[in-house]
Amino acid sequence: MKNLDPAWRQHANLADNAALKVIPARYPWRLAGAAFALFIITGVVQSIATNPRWEWGVFAQWFFDPAILSGLGKTLLLTLLGTLFGSLLGTGLALARLANSWLLNALAWCYIWLFRSLPLLLVLIILYNFSYLYDSLSLGIPFTDLTFFTHATTDLLDQFSVAVLGLSLVQAAYTAEIIRGGIVGVEQGQHEAAAALGLPPFRRTFRIILPQALRAILPTGFNEVISLAKGTAIVYVLSMPELFYTVQVIYNRTQQVIPLLMVASVWYLCITTVLSVLQHYVERYFARGVVRQVRPARFTLFHRSPRHKENADVRSA
């Protein structure tokens, strides 16, 4: 009868489980891959740190040079203005692509097709030679002699204006498709629910549809911003003293090519890092209310507060 006692049976099972030896799973290939990667990284770091031809002293000399910092400032300004104007124009183009008007749809499609087809370098050169194509710009009624005003183009576009305009025009074409894809990704039921509220189309789009589409727009949009920050280097063809052009001028004079290229590389890495961190926090902000548990910030994973640890222990218990 003792074997039929449930309490005794539970006690026996606990005793048997306590006697069992738990062996954790092993992943030898994972450890081998990690060791190989660590070996390669260590070799690369040692090679870069100990090779005198990298000329790290020259790198340190020029890294915070006023000319380099001035070029960096122009690069950041071009990135900011290109992103701002490209986003505004791209949003309008995306809404035009989704409009019921066939004329707006066709015009927006032609714009996107044109500027996605042309290389940025070609756009910049054409804009820089705009005054050769047209002596003046005028506003009037087409096919008549009636003109409201006229302005000469010789002093209309300087190097900075051409760079901002070219970057914005090309960036808007890609941004428009990113925003259109995010809006199309919103469930059709959300469009119908917004229409059922009786809101006008403008408020419907900017208060209900676009906030939901931002979750799909942000990752690809930040990729475009990072590409734009690196793409500003191509405005060197305009002899504009941004970061890359400034580095070129200096190493053409000093013949210290590699260390100065490393100066530009590290600054571009810093820009990309800051934008990546900003992207992470912006995505976390817009993820509130969508996921049940927001992923903790990467920079606080190893610095949790005691209260956070206590709550984690309570949940695990």
Protein backbone atom coordinates (compact mmCIF):
# COMPACT_ATOMS: atom_id res chain seq x y z
CA MET A 1 0.00 0.00 0.00
CA LYS A 2 2.99 2.24 0.50
CA ASN A 3 3.64 2.38 -3.25
CA LEU A 4 0.14 3.72 -3.78
CA ASP A 5 0.62 6.75 -1.51
CA PRO A 6 0.81 9.87 -3.77
CA ALA A 7 2.86 11.84 -1.24
CA TRP A 8 5.43 9.06 -0.98
CA ARG A 9 5.56 8.75 -4.77
CA GLN A 10 6.23 12.50 -5.15
CA HIS A 11 8.97 12.31 -2.53
CA ALA A 12 10.57 9.39 -4.37
CA ASN A 13 10.50 11.27 -7.70
CA LEU A 14 12.15 14.30 -6.10
CA ALA A 15 14.87 12.10 -4.64
CA ASP A 16 15.50 10.48 -8.03
CA ASN A 17 15.67 13.87 -9.75
CA ALA A 18 18.13 15.16 -7.17
CA ALA A 19 20.39 12.23 -7.94
CA LEU A 20 20.41 13.04 -11.65
CA LYS A 21 23.42 14.92 -13.01
CA VAL A 22 22.50 17.74 -15.39
CA ILE A 23 24.96 18.03 -18.29
CA PRO A 24 24.72 21.30 -20.23
CA ALA A 25 24.59 21.15 -24.00
CA ARG A 26 27.90 21.77 -25.73
CA TYR A 27 28.43 23.48 -29.08
CA PRO A 28 32.00 22.73 -30.16
CA TRP A 29 31.66 24.27 -33.62
CA ARG A 30 30.28 27.48 -32.17
CA LEU A 31 33.26 27.73 -29.83
CA ALA A 32 35.64 26.93 -32.69
CA GLY A 33 34.08 29.65 -34.85
CA ALA A 34 34.31 32.19 -32.04
CA ALA A 35 37.95 31.29 -31.39
CA PHE A 36 38.79 31.59 -35.09
CA ALA A 37 37.05 34.98 -35.33
CA LEU A 38 38.91 36.20 -32.22
CA PHE A 39 42.19 35.00 -33.74
CA ILE A 40 41.56 36.91 -36.99
CA ILE A 41 40.50 40.08 -35.17
CA THR A 42 43.55 39.96 -32.92
CA GLY A 43 45.84 39.53 -35.92
CA VAL A 44 44.25 42.46 -37.76
CA VAL A 45 44.44 44.74 -34.71
CA GLN A 46 48.08 43.81 -34.12
CA SER A 47 48.93 44.42 -37.78
CA ILE A 48 47.28 47.85 -37.82
CA ALA A 49 48.70 48.91 -34.44
CA THR A 50 52.30 47.82 -35.01
CA ASN A 51 52.81 48.62 -38.71
CA PRO A 52 54.71 51.97 -38.82
CA ARG A 53 53.48 52.66 -42.37
CA TRP A 54 50.05 53.53 -41.02
CA GLU A 55 51.71 56.61 -39.47
CA TRP A 56 49.42 56.95 -36.49
CA GLY A 57 51.37 59.98 -35.30
CA VAL A 58 50.39 61.84 -38.46
CA PHE A 59 46.81 60.61 -37.97
CA ALA A 60 46.72 62.11 -34.46
CA GLN A 61 48.26 65.34 -35.75
CA TRP A 62 45.53 65.94 -38.35
CA PHE A 63 42.48 64.36 -36.69
CA PHE A 64 41.37 67.54 -34.88
CA ASP A 65 42.94 69.99 -37.29
CA PRO A 66 40.72 73.08 -37.88
CA ALA A 67 40.62 72.42 -41.65
CA ILE A 68 39.44 68.84 -41.07
CA LEU A 69 36.81 69.99 -38.55
CA SER A 70 35.60 72.66 -40.99
CA GLY A 71 35.20 70.02 -43.71
CA LEU A 72 33.42 67.76 -41.23
CA GLY A 73 31.01 70.57 -40.40
CA LYS A 74 30.14 71.04 -44.08
CA THR A 75 29.60 67.29 -44.44
CA LEU A 76 27.21 67.27 -41.47
CA LEU A 77 25.39 70.33 -42.80
CA LEU A 78 24.98 68.76 -46.24
CA THR A 79 23.66 65.59 -44.61
CA LEU A 80 21.19 67.53 -42.49
CA LEU A 81 19.86 69.71 -45.31
CA GLY A 82 19.77 66.85 -47.82
CA THR A 83 17.81 64.73 -45.34
CA LEU A 84 15.41 67.56 -44.46
CA PHE A 85 14.59 68.70 -47.99
CA GLY A 86 14.69 65.17 -49.38
CA SER A 87 12.24 63.96 -46.72
CA LEU A 88 9.83 66.85 -47.30
CA LEU A 89 9.87 66.44 -51.08
CA GLY A 90 9.84 62.65 -50.81
CA THR A 91 6.76 62.72 -48.57
CA GLY A 92 4.92 64.85 -51.11
CA LEU A 93 5.95 62.54 -53.94
CA ALA A 94 4.85 59.47 -52.00
CA LEU A 95 1.43 60.98 -51.32
CA ALA A 96 1.16 61.97 -54.98
CA ARG A 97 1.96 58.38 -56.00
CA LEU A 98 -0.92 57.19 -53.82
CA ALA A 99 -3.34 59.91 -54.90
CA ASN A 100 -6.43 59.14 -56.95
CA SER A 101 -5.43 61.77 -59.51
CA TRP A 102 -3.79 60.10 -62.50
CA LEU A 103 -1.93 63.33 -63.32
CA LEU A 104 -0.29 63.59 -59.88
CA ASN A 105 0.47 59.89 -59.97
CA ALA A 106 2.11 60.11 -63.38
CA LEU A 107 4.16 63.22 -62.52
CA ALA A 108 5.44 61.69 -59.28
CA TRP A 109 6.28 58.42 -61.05
CA CYS A 110 8.22 60.27 -63.77
CA TYR A 111 10.20 62.24 -61.18
CA ILE A 112 11.11 59.11 -59.23
CA TRP A 113 11.99 57.23 -62.42
CA LEU A 114 14.22 60.07 -63.64
CA PHE A 115 16.25 60.71 -60.48
CA ARG A 116 16.62 57.05 -59.60
CA SER A 117 18.03 56.48 -63.08
CA LEU A 118 20.62 59.27 -63.04
CA PRO A 119 23.86 58.94 -61.03
CA LEU A 120 24.31 61.58 -58.36
CA LEU A 121 27.61 62.65 -59.93
CA LEU A 122 25.86 63.36 -63.23
CA VAL A 123 23.10 65.37 -61.51
CA LEU A 124 25.66 67.53 -59.69
CA ILE A 125 27.62 68.28 -62.86
CA ILE A 126 24.48 69.21 -64.82
CA LEU A 127 23.29 71.52 -62.03
CA TYR A 128 26.74 73.10 -61.78
CA ASN A 129 26.56 73.94 -65.48
CA PHE A 130 22.95 75.14 -65.29
CA SER A 131 23.91 78.73 -66.13
CA TYR A 132 25.41 77.49 -69.41
CA LEU A 133 22.08 75.93 -70.39
CA TYR A 134 19.93 78.91 -69.35
CA ASP A 135 21.10 82.50 -69.09
CA SER A 136 18.12 83.50 -66.98
CA LEU A 137 15.02 82.13 -65.28
CA SER A 138 11.69 83.82 -65.80
CA LEU A 139 8.13 83.33 -64.65
CA GLY A 140 5.30 84.12 -67.03
CA ILE A 141 2.56 82.67 -69.18
CA PRO A 142 3.87 79.99 -71.57
CA PHE A 143 3.80 80.69 -75.33
CA THR A 144 3.26 84.40 -74.72
CA ASP A 145 5.51 87.42 -74.17
CA LEU A 146 3.97 88.14 -70.76
CA THR A 147 6.68 87.79 -68.07
CA PHE A 148 6.29 88.60 -64.39
CA PHE A 149 9.97 88.59 -63.39
CA THR A 150 13.38 87.44 -64.66
CA HIS A 151 16.54 86.48 -62.78
CA ALA A 152 20.01 85.75 -64.16
CA THR A 153 21.38 82.27 -63.42
CA THR A 154 25.07 83.21 -63.28
CA ASP A 155 24.90 84.04 -59.56
CA LEU A 156 21.91 81.86 -58.71
CA LEU A 157 23.65 78.59 -57.82
CA ASP A 158 26.99 78.44 -56.03
CA GLN A 159 28.87 75.29 -55.00
CA PHE A 160 26.97 74.83 -51.74
CA SER A 161 23.55 75.43 -53.34
CA VAL A 162 24.30 72.95 -56.13
CA ALA A 163 25.41 70.32 -53.60
CA VAL A 164 22.30 70.74 -51.42
CA LEU A 165 19.95 70.81 -54.41
CA GLY A 166 21.51 67.76 -56.09
CA LEU A 167 21.58 65.69 -52.90
CA SER A 168 17.99 66.66 -52.04
CA LEU A 169 16.58 65.90 -55.50
CA VAL A 170 18.15 62.44 -55.66
CA GLN A 171 17.40 61.65 -52.03
CA ALA A 172 13.74 62.60 -52.48
CA ALA A 173 13.26 59.96 -55.17
CA TYR A 174 14.44 57.15 -52.90
CA THR A 175 12.68 58.55 -49.83
CA ALA A 176 9.40 58.70 -51.74
CA GLU A 177 9.49 54.97 -52.48
CA ILE A 178 10.42 54.17 -48.87
CA ILE A 179 7.49 56.20 -47.52
CA ARG A 180 5.10 54.80 -50.13
CA GLY A 181 6.12 51.26 -49.19
CA GLY A 182 5.51 52.00 -45.51
CA ILE A 183 2.06 53.43 -46.19
CA VAL A 184 1.10 50.52 -48.43
CA GLY A 185 2.23 48.15 -45.64
CA VAL A 186 -0.43 49.51 -43.26
CA GLU A 187 -3.43 47.21 -43.10
CA GLN A 188 -6.37 48.24 -45.25
CA GLY A 189 -8.62 48.02 -42.22
CA GLN A 190 -6.76 50.96 -40.68
CA HIS A 191 -7.54 53.08 -43.74
CA GLU A 192 -11.20 52.10 -43.54
CA ALA A 193 -11.34 52.79 -39.79
CA ALA A 194 -9.75 56.21 -40.28
CA ALA A 195 -12.29 57.01 -43.00
CA ALA A 196 -15.14 55.82 -40.76
CA LEU A 197 -14.14 58.43 -38.15
CA GLY A 198 -15.10 61.14 -40.61
CA LEU A 199 -11.66 62.78 -40.56
CA PRO A 200 -10.55 64.78 -43.60
CA PRO A 201 -7.91 63.06 -45.79
CA PHE A 202 -5.06 65.30 -44.56
CA ARG A 203 -5.63 64.49 -40.87
CA ARG A 204 -6.34 60.88 -41.74
CA THR A 205 -2.94 60.55 -43.38
CA PHE A 206 -0.78 62.46 -40.89
CA ARG A 207 -2.53 61.44 -37.65
CA ILE A 208 -3.38 57.78 -38.24
CA ILE A 209 -1.72 56.25 -41.32
CA LEU A 210 1.78 57.78 -41.27
CA PRO A 211 2.44 57.11 -37.53
CA GLN A 212 1.75 53.43 -38.15
CA ALA A 213 3.81 53.39 -41.34
CA LEU A 214 6.82 54.91 -39.53
CA ARG A 215 7.68 51.55 -37.98
CA ALA A 216 8.37 50.21 -41.47
CA ILE A 217 9.84 53.45 -42.80
CA LEU A 218 12.43 54.15 -40.10
CA PRO A 219 14.95 51.29 -40.65
CA THR A 220 15.22 51.82 -44.41
CA GLY A 221 14.99 55.58 -44.01
CA PHE A 222 17.96 55.68 -41.64
CA ASN A 223 19.90 53.51 -44.09
CA GLU A 224 19.30 56.21 -46.70
CA VAL A 225 20.46 58.91 -44.29
CA ILE A 226 23.68 57.00 -43.60
CA SER A 227 24.20 56.51 -47.34
CA LEU A 228 23.63 60.24 -47.83
CA ALA A 229 26.24 61.08 -45.16
CA LYS A 230 28.80 58.99 -47.03
CA GLY A 231 27.53 60.14 -50.43
CA THR A 232 28.37 63.74 -49.60
CA ALA A 233 31.96 62.80 -50.45
CA ILE A 234 31.01 62.90 -54.13
CA VAL A 235 30.57 66.68 -54.07
CA TYR A 236 34.37 66.89 -54.26
CA VAL A 237 33.79 67.28 -58.05
CA LEU A 238 32.45 70.77 -57.23
CA SER A 239 35.69 71.63 -55.38
CA MET A 240 33.61 72.17 -52.26
CA PRO A 241 35.71 71.81 -49.08
CA GLU A 242 33.75 69.08 -47.34
CA LEU A 243 35.53 66.34 -45.38
CA PHE A 244 36.80 64.16 -48.24
CA TYR A 245 37.84 67.08 -50.45
CA THR A 246 39.70 68.68 -47.53
CA VAL A 247 41.58 65.44 -46.89
CA GLN A 248 42.46 65.22 -50.59
CA VAL A 249 43.85 68.76 -50.63
CA ILE A 250 46.00 68.08 -47.57
CA TYR A 251 47.49 64.77 -48.70
CA ASN A 252 48.18 66.16 -52.17
CA ARG A 253 50.29 68.79 -50.44
CA THR A 254 51.96 66.60 -47.78
CA GLN A 255 51.99 63.23 -49.64
CA GLN A 256 50.78 61.54 -46.42
CA VAL A 257 47.98 59.66 -48.14
CA ILE A 258 47.21 56.72 -45.86
CA PRO A 259 47.05 58.51 -42.47
CA LEU A 260 44.85 61.26 -43.90
CA LEU A 261 42.53 58.74 -45.52
CA MET A 262 42.29 57.08 -42.11
CA VAL A 263 41.32 60.45 -40.62
CA ALA A 264 38.38 60.64 -43.06
CA SER A 265 37.50 56.98 -42.45
CA VAL A 266 37.34 57.37 -38.67
CA TRP A 267 35.20 60.51 -38.94
CA TYR A 268 32.79 58.72 -41.28
CA LEU A 269 32.69 55.84 -38.79
CA CYS A 270 31.81 58.31 -36.02
CA ILE A 271 29.00 59.82 -38.10
CA THR A 272 27.58 56.39 -38.90
CA THR A 273 27.83 55.31 -35.26
CA VAL A 274 25.93 58.36 -34.01
CA LEU A 275 23.22 57.85 -36.64
CA SER A 276 22.95 54.14 -35.74
CA VAL A 277 22.52 54.94 -32.03
CA LEU A 278 19.91 57.57 -32.91
CA GLN A 279 18.10 55.04 -35.09
CA HIS A 280 18.01 52.55 -32.21
CA TYR A 281 16.36 54.97 -29.79
CA VAL A 282 13.93 56.36 -32.37
CA GLU A 283 12.80 52.83 -33.24
CA ARG A 284 12.35 52.01 -29.54
CA TYR A 285 10.23 55.15 -29.13
CA PHE A 286 7.88 54.23 -31.97
CA ALA A 287 7.74 50.59 -30.83
CA ARG A 288 5.88 51.54 -27.65
CA GLY A 289 2.42 50.04 -27.53
CA VAL A 290 3.18 47.68 -30.42
CA VAL A 291 5.31 45.02 -28.74
CA ARG A 292 4.51 43.60 -25.33
CA GLN A 293 8.02 44.09 -23.99
CA VAL A 294 10.29 46.73 -25.51
CA ARG A 295 13.79 45.48 -26.11
CA PRO A 296 16.19 47.08 -23.58
CA ALA A 297 18.64 49.64 -24.87
CA ARG A 298 21.97 48.18 -25.95
CA PHE A 299 23.86 50.55 -23.70
CA THR A 300 21.94 49.52 -20.56
CA LEU A 301 22.07 45.76 -20.91
CA PHE A 302 24.96 45.46 -18.49
CA HIS A 303 24.00 48.37 -16.22
CA ARG A 304 20.57 47.42 -14.91
CA SER A 305 19.29 49.05 -11.78
CA PRO A 306 18.74 46.92 -8.63
CA ARG A 307 14.99 47.47 -8.98
CA HIS A 308 15.11 46.12 -12.55
CA LYS A 309 16.98 43.03 -11.35
CA GLU A 310 14.51 42.50 -8.51
CA ASN A 311 11.58 42.67 -10.95
CA ALA A 312 13.34 40.20 -13.26
CA ASP A 313 13.85 37.78 -10.37
CA VAL A 314 10.18 38.04 -9.42
CA ARG A 315 9.08 37.33 -13.01
CA SER A 316 11.40 34.34 -13.27
CA ALA A 317 10.12 32.97 -9.97
